[in-house]
Amino acid sequence: MTTIVPTLMTGSGQRTLVPTTMTASNTFVYKPGTGQILMLRNATAGALTPILDGVGGTTVPVAGIGNVSVAAGFNAAPLLPPQPLQSRSTRLARSCRALST
C-alpha cells in the first residue's frame, strides 16, 4: 500500500507536485481546511476506476432517509487512458468535412 504524498495549495507561489504510481490499494490522508487537492491521472493503456473510501466508514445519517451505507466507498468516474494528440490542422480538416456533408 502506497501513501499518496499530499501537496498543500494554501498560500501563494508555485507548488511541486509529487506523482505517485498507483497500486491496487493506496492511502491519501485528507485533512479538512488545508486546501488539499487530489489529482488522478491515468498513464496506462486501460481504463481505471478509483474507489474513494474513508477509514472505517460504515453508515452516514441522512435526514428523511435514515442511515445510508458507505461501507463500499464511492466509485468515481473511470479514468480513460491518454489519447494521442492531434494537430490543429487535423481537427480543423475533420470539422470542415463534417460541416460539408
PDB file of N, CA and C in Angstrom:
ATOM      1  N   MET A   1       0.849  -1.168   0.000  1.00  0.00           N
ATOM      2  CA  MET A   1       0.000   0.000   0.000  1.00  0.00           C
ATOM      3  C   MET A   1       0.896   1.232   0.000  1.00  0.00           C
ATOM      4  N   THR A   2       0.651   2.134  -0.948  1.00  0.00           N
ATOM      5  CA  THR A   2       1.439   3.348  -1.093  1.00  0.00           C
ATOM      6  C   THR A   2       0.676   4.523  -0.499  1.00  0.00           C
ATOM      7  N   THR A   3       1.372   5.373   0.246  1.00  0.00           N
ATOM      8  CA  THR A   3       0.757   6.585   0.755  1.00  0.00           C
ATOM      9  C   THR A   3       0.972   7.698  -0.256  1.00  0.00           C
ATOM     10  N   ILE A   4      -0.126   8.335  -0.676  1.00  0.00           N
ATOM     11  CA  ILE A   4      -0.054   9.431  -1.636  1.00  0.00           C
ATOM     12  C   ILE A   4       0.398  10.680  -0.891  1.00  0.00           C
ATOM     13  N   VAL A   5       1.469  11.304  -1.369  1.00  0.00           N
ATOM     14  CA  VAL A   5       2.033  12.477  -0.713  1.00  0.00           C
ATOM     15  C   VAL A   5       1.127  13.684  -0.997  1.00  0.00           C
ATOM     16  N   PRO A   6       0.603  14.340   0.047  1.00  0.00           N
ATOM     17  CA  PRO A   6      -0.263  15.495  -0.196  1.00  0.00           C
ATOM     18  C   PRO A   6       0.533  16.733  -0.592  1.00  0.00           C
ATOM     19  N   THR A   7      -0.062  17.560  -1.434  1.00  0.00           N
ATOM     20  CA  THR A   7       0.501  18.855  -1.794  1.00  0.00           C
ATOM     21  C   THR A   7      -0.468  19.912  -1.302  1.00  0.00           C
ATOM     22  N   LEU A   8      -0.057  20.716  -0.349  1.00  0.00           N
ATOM     23  CA  LEU A   8      -0.933  21.752   0.187  1.00  0.00           C
ATOM     24  C   LEU A   8      -0.964  22.933  -0.768  1.00  0.00           C
ATOM     25  N   MET A   9      -2.177  23.429  -1.046  1.00  0.00           N
ATOM     26  CA  MET A   9      -2.358  24.502  -2.012  1.00  0.00           C
ATOM     27  C   MET A   9      -2.590  25.857  -1.332  1.00  0.00           C
ATOM     28  N   THR A  10      -2.365  25.942  -0.034  1.00  0.00           N
ATOM     29  CA  THR A  10      -2.560  27.201   0.676  1.00  0.00           C
ATOM     30  C   THR A  10      -1.375  28.131   0.439  1.00  0.00           C
ATOM     31  N   GLY A  11      -1.604  29.429   0.591  1.00  0.00           N
ATOM     32  CA  GLY A  11      -0.528  30.404   0.402  1.00  0.00           C
ATOM     33  C   GLY A  11      -0.334  30.733  -1.061  1.00  0.00           C
ATOM     34  N   SER A  12       0.699  31.509  -1.339  1.00  0.00           N
ATOM     35  CA  SER A  12       0.967  31.908  -2.721  1.00  0.00           C
ATOM     36  C   SER A  12       2.235  31.224  -3.227  1.00  0.00           C
ATOM     37  N   GLY A  13       2.429  31.301  -4.546  1.00  0.00           N
ATOM     38  CA  GLY A  13       3.627  30.717  -5.137  1.00  0.00           C
ATOM     39  C   GLY A  13       3.358  29.392  -5.818  1.00  0.00           C
ATOM     40  N   GLN A  14       4.374  28.875  -6.483  1.00  0.00           N
ATOM     41  CA  GLN A  14       4.268  27.622  -7.210  1.00  0.00           C
ATOM     42  C   GLN A  14       4.369  26.434  -6.276  1.00  0.00           C
ATOM     43  N   ARG A  15       3.833  25.311  -6.714  1.00  0.00           N
ATOM     44  CA  ARG A  15       3.895  24.067  -5.953  1.00  0.00           C
ATOM     45  C   ARG A  15       4.567  23.003  -6.806  1.00  0.00           C
ATOM     46  N   THR A  16       5.290  22.124  -6.187  1.00  0.00           N
ATOM     47  CA  THR A  16       5.855  20.971  -6.868  1.00  0.00           C
ATOM     48  C   THR A  16       5.005  19.774  -6.495  1.00  0.00           C
ATOM     49  N   LEU A  17       4.348  19.175  -7.492  1.00  0.00           N
ATOM     50  CA  LEU A  17       3.516  18.005  -7.246  1.00  0.00           C
ATOM     51  C   LEU A  17       4.377  16.760  -7.276  1.00  0.00           C
ATOM     52  N   VAL A  18       4.105  15.860  -6.367  1.00  0.00           N
ATOM     53  CA  VAL A  18       4.855  14.611  -6.290  1.00  0.00           C
ATOM     54  C   VAL A  18       3.962  13.494  -6.819  1.00  0.00           C
ATOM     55  N   PRO A  19       4.242  12.976  -8.044  1.00  0.00           N
ATOM     56  CA  PRO A  19       3.399  11.903  -8.577  1.00  0.00           C
ATOM     57  C   PRO A  19       3.609  10.605  -7.816  1.00  0.00           C
ATOM     58  N   THR A  20       2.544   9.834  -7.685  1.00  0.00           N
ATOM     59  CA  THR A  20       2.601   8.539  -7.030  1.00  0.00           C
ATOM     60  C   THR A  20       2.082   7.499  -8.006  1.00  0.00           C
ATOM     61  N   THR A  21       2.833   6.443  -8.229  1.00  0.00           N
ATOM     62  CA  THR A  21       2.353   5.356  -9.075  1.00  0.00           C
ATOM     63  C   THR A  21       1.358   4.548  -8.261  1.00  0.00           C
ATOM     64  N   MET A  22       0.135   4.514  -8.771  1.00  0.00           N
ATOM     65  CA  MET A  22      -0.937   3.852  -8.036  1.00  0.00           C
ATOM     66  C   MET A  22      -0.780   2.334  -8.079  1.00  0.00           C
ATOM     67  N   THR A  23      -1.191   1.704  -6.995  1.00  0.00           N
ATOM     68  CA  THR A  23      -1.215   0.252  -6.904  1.00  0.00           C
ATOM     69  C   THR A  23      -2.661  -0.161  -6.635  1.00  0.00           C
ATOM     70  N   ALA A  24      -2.889  -1.407  -6.283  1.00  0.00           N
ATOM     71  CA  ALA A  24      -4.250  -1.874  -6.020  1.00  0.00           C
ATOM     72  C   ALA A  24      -4.855  -1.201  -4.793  1.00  0.00           C
ATOM     73  N   SER A  25      -4.020  -0.701  -3.896  1.00  0.00           N
ATOM     74  CA  SER A  25      -4.530  -0.066  -2.682  1.00  0.00           C
ATOM     75  C   SER A  25      -3.590   1.065  -2.282  1.00  0.00           C
ATOM     76  N   ASN A  26      -4.101   2.291  -2.280  1.00  0.00           N
ATOM     77  CA  ASN A  26      -3.309   3.458  -1.906  1.00  0.00           C
ATOM     78  C   ASN A  26      -4.013   4.221  -0.797  1.00  0.00           C
ATOM     79  N   THR A  27      -3.241   4.996  -0.027  1.00  0.00           N
ATOM     80  CA  THR A  27      -3.801   5.775   1.064  1.00  0.00           C
ATOM     81  C   THR A  27      -3.531   7.250   0.834  1.00  0.00           C
ATOM     82  N   PHE A  28      -4.571   8.065   0.986  1.00  0.00           N
ATOM     83  CA  PHE A  28      -4.443   9.519   0.934  1.00  0.00           C
ATOM     84  C   PHE A  28      -5.092  10.048   2.197  1.00  0.00           C
ATOM     85  N   VAL A  29      -4.303  10.661   3.060  1.00  0.00           N
ATOM     86  CA  VAL A  29      -4.829  11.183   4.314  1.00  0.00           C
ATOM     87  C   VAL A  29      -5.360  12.592   4.058  1.00  0.00           C
ATOM     88  N   TYR A  30      -6.686  12.746   4.133  1.00  0.00           N
ATOM     89  CA  TYR A  30      -7.327  14.032   3.885  1.00  0.00           C
ATOM     90  C   TYR A  30      -7.426  14.805   5.190  1.00  0.00           C
ATOM     91  N   LYS A  31      -6.976  16.055   5.165  1.00  0.00           N
ATOM     92  CA  LYS A  31      -7.039  16.924   6.329  1.00  0.00           C
ATOM     93  C   LYS A  31      -7.901  18.130   5.973  1.00  0.00           C
ATOM     94  N   PRO A  32      -9.153  18.189   6.464  1.00  0.00           N
ATOM     95  CA  PRO A  32     -10.056  19.292   6.132  1.00  0.00           C
ATOM     96  C   PRO A  32      -9.451  20.653   6.475  1.00  0.00           C
ATOM     97  N   GLY A  33      -9.733  21.634   5.618  1.00  0.00           N
ATOM     98  CA  GLY A  33      -9.290  23.002   5.876  1.00  0.00           C
ATOM     99  C   GLY A  33      -7.860  23.301   5.477  1.00  0.00           C
ATOM    100  N   THR A  34      -7.159  22.356   4.865  1.00  0.00           N
ATOM    101  CA  THR A  34      -5.758  22.583   4.493  1.00  0.00           C
ATOM    102  C   THR A  34      -5.580  22.890   3.011  1.00  0.00           C
ATOM    103  N   GLY A  35      -6.661  22.845   2.230  1.00  0.00           N
ATOM    104  CA  GLY A  35      -6.568  23.160   0.813  1.00  0.00           C
ATOM    105  C   GLY A  35      -6.001  22.039  -0.026  1.00  0.00           C
ATOM    106  N   GLN A  36      -6.059  20.807   0.441  1.00  0.00           N
ATOM    107  CA  GLN A  36      -5.520  19.682  -0.322  1.00  0.00           C
ATOM    108  C   GLN A  36      -6.361  19.417  -1.565  1.00  0.00           C
ATOM    109  N   ILE A  37      -5.702  18.972  -2.632  1.00  0.00           N
ATOM    110  CA  ILE A  37      -6.371  18.591  -3.869  1.00  0.00           C
ATOM    111  C   ILE A  37      -5.830  17.233  -4.274  1.00  0.00           C
ATOM    112  N   LEU A  38      -6.724  16.321  -4.619  1.00  0.00           N
ATOM    113  CA  LEU A  38      -6.320  15.009  -5.103  1.00  0.00           C
ATOM    114  C   LEU A  38      -6.522  14.996  -6.611  1.00  0.00           C
ATOM    115  N   MET A  39      -5.421  14.868  -7.362  1.00  0.00           N
ATOM    116  CA  MET A  39      -5.481  14.817  -8.823  1.00  0.00           C
ATOM    117  C   MET A  39      -5.085  13.417  -9.255  1.00  0.00           C
ATOM    118  N   LEU A  40      -5.911  12.802 -10.096  1.00  0.00           N
ATOM    119  CA  LEU A  40      -5.629  11.463 -10.588  1.00  0.00           C
ATOM    120  C   LEU A  40      -5.384  11.530 -12.082  1.00  0.00           C
ATOM    121  N   ARG A  41      -4.344  10.855 -12.549  1.00  0.00           N
ATOM    122  CA  ARG A  41      -4.007  10.813 -13.974  1.00  0.00           C
ATOM    123  C   ARG A  41      -3.741   9.373 -14.352  1.00  0.00           C
ATOM    124  N   ASN A  42      -4.325   8.936 -15.441  1.00  0.00           N
ATOM    125  CA  ASN A  42      -4.160   7.566 -15.911  1.00  0.00           C
ATOM    126  C   ASN A  42      -3.133   7.540 -17.031  1.00  0.00           C
ATOM    127  N   ALA A  43      -1.997   6.911 -16.794  1.00  0.00           N
ATOM    128  CA  ALA A  43      -0.953   6.795 -17.816  1.00  0.00           C
ATOM    129  C   ALA A  43      -0.861   5.370 -18.352  1.00  0.00           C
ATOM    130  N   THR A  44      -1.885   4.554 -18.092  1.00  0.00           N
ATOM    131  CA  THR A  44      -1.872   3.168 -18.545  1.00  0.00           C
ATOM    132  C   THR A  44      -2.580   3.045 -19.890  1.00  0.00           C
ATOM    133  N   ALA A  45      -2.674   1.828 -20.398  1.00  0.00           N
ATOM    134  CA  ALA A  45      -3.352   1.591 -21.673  1.00  0.00           C
ATOM    135  C   ALA A  45      -4.833   1.265 -21.482  1.00  0.00           C
ATOM    136  N   GLY A  46      -5.283   1.138 -20.242  1.00  0.00           N
ATOM    137  CA  GLY A  46      -6.680   0.788 -19.993  1.00  0.00           C
ATOM    138  C   GLY A  46      -7.358   1.756 -19.050  1.00  0.00           C
ATOM    139  N   ALA A  47      -8.676   1.633 -18.941  1.00  0.00           N
ATOM    140  CA  ALA A  47      -9.444   2.493 -18.046  1.00  0.00           C
ATOM    141  C   ALA A  47      -9.263   2.032 -16.591  1.00  0.00           C
ATOM    142  N   LEU A  48      -9.222   2.980 -15.685  1.00  0.00           N
ATOM    143  CA  LEU A  48      -9.121   2.689 -14.252  1.00  0.00           C
ATOM    144  C   LEU A  48     -10.310   3.327 -13.545  1.00  0.00           C
ATOM    145  N   THR A  49     -10.851   2.653 -12.542  1.00  0.00           N
ATOM    146  CA  THR A  49     -11.960   3.214 -11.772  1.00  0.00           C
ATOM    147  C   THR A  49     -11.545   3.325 -10.313  1.00  0.00           C
ATOM    148  N   PRO A  50     -11.224   4.540  -9.853  1.00  0.00           N
ATOM    149  CA  PRO A  50     -10.851   4.698  -8.444  1.00  0.00           C
ATOM    150  C   PRO A  50     -12.072   4.568  -7.533  1.00  0.00           C
ATOM    151  N   ILE A  51     -11.858   3.988  -6.370  1.00  0.00           N
ATOM    152  CA  ILE A  51     -12.900   3.885  -5.356  1.00  0.00           C
ATOM    153  C   ILE A  51     -12.427   4.690  -4.153  1.00  0.00           C
ATOM    154  N   LEU A  52     -13.190   5.721  -3.798  1.00  0.00           N
ATOM    155  CA  LEU A  52     -12.847   6.559  -2.651  1.00  0.00           C
ATOM    156  C   LEU A  52     -13.586   6.028  -1.440  1.00  0.00           C
ATOM    157  N   ASP A  53     -12.827   5.748  -0.389  1.00  0.00           N
ATOM    158  CA  ASP A  53     -13.400   5.117   0.795  1.00  0.00           C
ATOM    159  C   ASP A  53     -12.731   5.668   2.037  1.00  0.00           C
ATOM    160  N   GLY A  54     -13.523   6.130   2.974  1.00  0.00           N
ATOM    161  CA  GLY A  54     -12.988   6.612   4.242  1.00  0.00           C
ATOM    162  C   GLY A  54     -12.634   5.452   5.156  1.00  0.00           C
ATOM    163  N   VAL A  55     -11.709   5.685   6.061  1.00  0.00           N
ATOM    164  CA  VAL A  55     -11.305   4.653   7.007  1.00  0.00           C
ATOM    165  C   VAL A  55     -12.460   4.373   7.966  1.00  0.00           C
ATOM    166  N   GLY A  56     -12.871   3.134   8.029  1.00  0.00           N
ATOM    167  CA  GLY A  56     -13.895   2.729   8.988  1.00  0.00           C
ATOM    168  C   GLY A  56     -15.280   3.261   8.679  1.00  0.00           C
ATOM    169  N   GLY A  57     -15.510   3.818   7.491  1.00  0.00           N
ATOM    170  CA  GLY A  57     -16.832   4.332   7.156  1.00  0.00           C
ATOM    171  C   GLY A  57     -17.829   3.207   6.982  1.00  0.00           C
ATOM    172  N   THR A  58     -18.941   3.273   7.698  1.00  0.00           N
ATOM    173  CA  THR A  58     -19.967   2.249   7.566  1.00  0.00           C
ATOM    174  C   THR A  58     -21.312   2.861   7.174  1.00  0.00           C
ATOM    175  N   THR A  59     -21.806   3.817   7.963  1.00  0.00           N
ATOM    176  CA  THR A  59     -23.085   4.459   7.655  1.00  0.00           C
ATOM    177  C   THR A  59     -23.004   5.955   7.917  1.00  0.00           C
ATOM    178  N   VAL A  60     -23.848   6.697   7.192  1.00  0.00           N
ATOM    179  CA  VAL A  60     -23.963   8.139   7.376  1.00  0.00           C
ATOM    180  C   VAL A  60     -25.440   8.454   7.548  1.00  0.00           C
ATOM    181  N   PRO A  61     -25.803   9.206   8.609  1.00  0.00           N
ATOM    182  CA  PRO A  61     -27.214   9.553   8.774  1.00  0.00           C
ATOM    183  C   PRO A  61     -27.636  10.624   7.755  1.00  0.00           C
ATOM    184  N   VAL A  62     -28.754  10.375   7.056  1.00  0.00           N
ATOM    185  CA  VAL A  62     -29.282  11.308   6.069  1.00  0.00           C
ATOM    186  C   VAL A  62     -30.692  11.684   6.488  1.00  0.00           C
ATOM    187  N   ALA A  63     -30.931  12.991   6.643  1.00  0.00           N
ATOM    188  CA  ALA A  63     -32.244  13.468   7.082  1.00  0.00           C
ATOM    189  C   ALA A  63     -33.337  12.989   6.131  1.00  0.00           C
ATOM    190  N   GLY A  64     -34.409  12.457   6.689  1.00  0.00           N
ATOM    191  CA  GLY A  64     -35.541  11.998   5.896  1.00  0.00           C
ATOM    192  C   GLY A  64     -35.389  10.601   5.326  1.00  0.00           C
ATOM    193  N   ILE A  65     -34.173  10.042   5.387  1.00  0.00           N
ATOM    194  CA  ILE A  65     -33.945   8.705   4.833  1.00  0.00           C
ATOM    195  C   ILE A  65     -33.523   7.735   5.927  1.00  0.00           C
ATOM    196  N   GLY A  66     -32.679   8.194   6.816  1.00  0.00           N
ATOM    197  CA  GLY A  66     -32.111   7.327   7.836  1.00  0.00           C
ATOM    198  C   GLY A  66     -30.646   7.080   7.553  1.00  0.00           C
ATOM    199  N   ASN A  67     -30.135   5.971   8.032  1.00  0.00           N
ATOM    200  CA  ASN A  67     -28.722   5.654   7.813  1.00  0.00           C
ATOM    201  C   ASN A  67     -28.496   5.088   6.415  1.00  0.00           C
ATOM    202  N   VAL A  68     -27.471   5.609   5.737  1.00  0.00           N
ATOM    203  CA  VAL A  68     -27.099   5.151   4.395  1.00  0.00           C
ATOM    204  C   VAL A  68     -25.719   4.508   4.485  1.00  0.00           C
ATOM    205  N   SER A  69     -25.586   3.311   3.929  1.00  0.00           N
ATOM    206  CA  SER A  69     -24.313   2.603   3.973  1.00  0.00           C
ATOM    207  C   SER A  69     -23.305   3.248   3.028  1.00  0.00           C
ATOM    208  N   VAL A  70     -22.101   3.492   3.551  1.00  0.00           N
ATOM    209  CA  VAL A  70     -20.984   3.989   2.741  1.00  0.00           C
ATOM    210  C   VAL A  70     -19.812   3.015   2.813  1.00  0.00           C
ATOM    211  N   ALA A  71     -20.086   1.806   3.274  1.00  0.00           N
ATOM    212  CA  ALA A  71     -19.037   0.815   3.504  1.00  0.00           C
ATOM    213  C   ALA A  71     -18.291   0.437   2.226  1.00  0.00           C
ATOM    214  N   ALA A  72     -18.987   0.461   1.086  1.00  0.00           N
ATOM    215  CA  ALA A  72     -18.344   0.056  -0.170  1.00  0.00           C
ATOM    216  C   ALA A  72     -17.532   1.174  -0.803  1.00  0.00           C
ATOM    217  N   GLY A  73     -17.612   2.394  -0.267  1.00  0.00           N
ATOM    218  CA  GLY A  73     -16.891   3.522  -0.851  1.00  0.00           C
ATOM    219  C   GLY A  73     -17.666   4.135  -1.999  1.00  0.00           C
ATOM    220  N   PHE A  74     -17.034   5.069  -2.704  1.00  0.00           N
ATOM    221  CA  PHE A  74     -17.639   5.789  -3.827  1.00  0.00           C
ATOM    222  C   PHE A  74     -16.865   5.467  -5.096  1.00  0.00           C
ATOM    223  N   ASN A  75     -17.545   4.897  -6.075  1.00  0.00           N
ATOM    224  CA  ASN A  75     -16.898   4.623  -7.363  1.00  0.00           C
ATOM    225  C   ASN A  75     -16.865   5.908  -8.165  1.00  0.00           C
ATOM    226  N   ALA A  76     -15.691   6.464  -8.343  1.00  0.00           N
ATOM    227  CA  ALA A  76     -15.529   7.681  -9.139  1.00  0.00           C
ATOM    228  C   ALA A  76     -15.639   7.321 -10.618  1.00  0.00           C
ATOM    229  N   ALA A  77     -15.787   8.323 -11.457  1.00  0.00           N
ATOM    230  CA  ALA A  77     -15.864   8.089 -12.900  1.00  0.00           C
ATOM    231  C   ALA A  77     -14.573   7.432 -13.380  1.00  0.00           C
ATOM    232  N   PRO A  78     -14.674   6.504 -14.325  1.00  0.00           N
ATOM    233  CA  PRO A  78     -13.456   5.848 -14.834  1.00  0.00           C
ATOM    234  C   PRO A  78     -12.477   6.848 -15.438  1.00  0.00           C
ATOM    235  N   LEU A  79     -11.201   6.616 -15.203  1.00  0.00           N
ATOM    236  CA  LEU A  79     -10.138   7.416 -15.808  1.00  0.00           C
ATOM    237  C   LEU A  79      -9.723   6.711 -17.082  1.00  0.00           C
ATOM    238  N   LEU A  80      -9.986   7.333 -18.227  1.00  0.00           N
ATOM    239  CA  LEU A  80      -9.663   6.718 -19.507  1.00  0.00           C
ATOM    240  C   LEU A  80      -8.187   6.872 -19.822  1.00  0.00           C
ATOM    241  N   PRO A  81      -7.651   5.955 -20.633  1.00  0.00           N
ATOM    242  CA  PRO A  81      -6.235   6.080 -20.999  1.00  0.00           C
ATOM    243  C   PRO A  81      -6.009   7.340 -21.821  1.00  0.00           C
ATOM    244  N   PRO A  82      -4.780   7.849 -21.829  1.00  0.00           N
ATOM    245  CA  PRO A  82      -4.491   9.063 -22.591  1.00  0.00           C
ATOM    246  C   PRO A  82      -4.735   8.853 -24.082  1.00  0.00           C
ATOM    247  N   GLN A  83      -5.227   9.877 -24.736  1.00  0.00           N
ATOM    248  CA  GLN A  83      -5.484   9.839 -26.172  1.00  0.00           C
ATOM    249  C   GLN A  83      -4.342  10.540 -26.901  1.00  0.00           C
ATOM    250  N   PRO A  84      -3.998  10.079 -28.113  1.00  0.00           N
ATOM    251  CA  PRO A  84      -2.930  10.761 -28.856  1.00  0.00           C
ATOM    252  C   PRO A  84      -3.339  12.184 -29.213  1.00  0.00           C
ATOM    253  N   LEU A  85      -2.386  13.080 -29.189  1.00  0.00           N
ATOM    254  CA  LEU A  85      -2.655  14.471 -29.539  1.00  0.00           C
ATOM    255  C   LEU A  85      -2.825  14.597 -31.047  1.00  0.00           C
ATOM    256  N   GLN A  86      -3.720  15.481 -31.447  1.00  0.00           N
ATOM    257  CA  GLN A  86      -3.918  15.761 -32.862  1.00  0.00           C
ATOM    258  C   GLN A  86      -3.533  17.202 -33.115  1.00  0.00           C
ATOM    259  N   SER A  87      -3.032  17.439 -34.288  1.00  0.00           N
ATOM    260  CA  SER A  87      -2.676  18.808 -34.636  1.00  0.00           C
ATOM    261  C   SER A  87      -3.941  19.615 -34.895  1.00  0.00           C
ATOM    262  N   ARG A  88      -3.844  20.938 -34.778  1.00  0.00           N
ATOM    263  CA  ARG A  88      -4.993  21.799 -35.056  1.00  0.00           C
ATOM    264  C   ARG A  88      -5.480  21.625 -36.479  1.00  0.00           C
ATOM    265  N   SER A  89      -4.552  21.459 -37.425  1.00  0.00           N
ATOM    266  CA  SER A  89      -4.955  21.322 -38.826  1.00  0.00           C
ATOM    267  C   SER A  89      -5.761  20.039 -39.035  1.00  0.00           C
ATOM    268  N   THR A  90      -5.416  18.952 -38.332  1.00  0.00           N
ATOM    269  CA  THR A  90      -6.162  17.705 -38.449  1.00  0.00           C
ATOM    270  C   THR A  90      -7.571  17.884 -37.890  1.00  0.00           C
ATOM    271  N   ARG A  91      -7.693  18.524 -36.724  1.00  0.00           N
ATOM    272  CA  ARG A  91      -9.016  18.761 -36.135  1.00  0.00           C
ATOM    273  C   ARG A  91      -9.845  19.677 -37.026  1.00  0.00           C
ATOM    274  N   LEU A  92      -9.239  20.716 -37.588  1.00  0.00           N
ATOM    275  CA  LEU A  92      -9.939  21.650 -38.458  1.00  0.00           C
ATOM    276  C   LEU A  92     -10.420  20.953 -39.726  1.00  0.00           C
ATOM    277  N   ALA A  93      -9.570  20.106 -40.303  1.00  0.00           N
ATOM    278  CA  ALA A  93      -9.962  19.375 -41.519  1.00  0.00           C
ATOM    279  C   ALA A  93     -11.146  18.461 -41.234  1.00  0.00           C
ATOM    280  N   ARG A  94     -11.150  17.783 -40.086  1.00  0.00           N
ATOM    281  CA  ARG A  94     -12.264  16.903 -39.737  1.00  0.00           C
ATOM    282  C   ARG A  94     -13.528  17.717 -39.506  1.00  0.00           C
ATOM    283  N   SER A  95     -13.420  18.877 -38.887  1.00  0.00           N
ATOM    284  CA  SER A  95     -14.574  19.729 -38.648  1.00  0.00           C
ATOM    285  C   SER A  95     -15.164  20.222 -39.953  1.00  0.00           C
ATOM    286  N   CYS A  96     -14.301  20.608 -40.895  1.00  0.00           N
ATOM    287  CA  CYS A  96     -14.759  21.110 -42.196  1.00  0.00           C
ATOM    288  C   CYS A  96     -15.466  19.997 -42.975  1.00  0.00           C
ATOM    289  N   ARG A  97     -14.915  18.764 -42.926  1.00  0.00           N
ATOM    290  CA  ARG A  97     -15.555  17.636 -43.600  1.00  0.00           C
ATOM    291  C   ARG A  97     -16.923  17.369 -43.004  1.00  0.00           C
ATOM    292  N   ALA A  98     -17.036  17.446 -41.674  1.00  0.00           N
ATOM    293  CA  ALA A  98     -18.317  17.190 -41.012  1.00  0.00           C
ATOM    294  C   ALA A  98     -19.347  18.231 -41.413  1.00  0.00           C
ATOM    295  N   LEU A  99     -18.928  19.494 -41.597  1.00  0.00           N
ATOM    296  CA  LEU A  99     -19.844  20.554 -41.972  1.00  0.00           C
ATOM    297  C   LEU A  99     -20.286  20.445 -43.427  1.00  0.00           C
ATOM    298  N   SER A 100     -19.432  19.886 -44.278  1.00  0.00           N
ATOM    299  CA  SER A 100     -19.746  19.837 -45.710  1.00  0.00           C
ATOM    300  C   SER A 100     -20.605  18.630 -46.093  1.00  0.00           C
ATOM    301  N   THR A 101     -20.776  17.692 -45.176  1.00  0.00           N
ATOM    302  CA  THR A 101     -21.586  16.507 -45.514  1.00  0.00           C
ATOM    303  C   THR A 101     -23.003  16.638 -45.046  1.00  0.00           C
TER     304      THR A 101
END
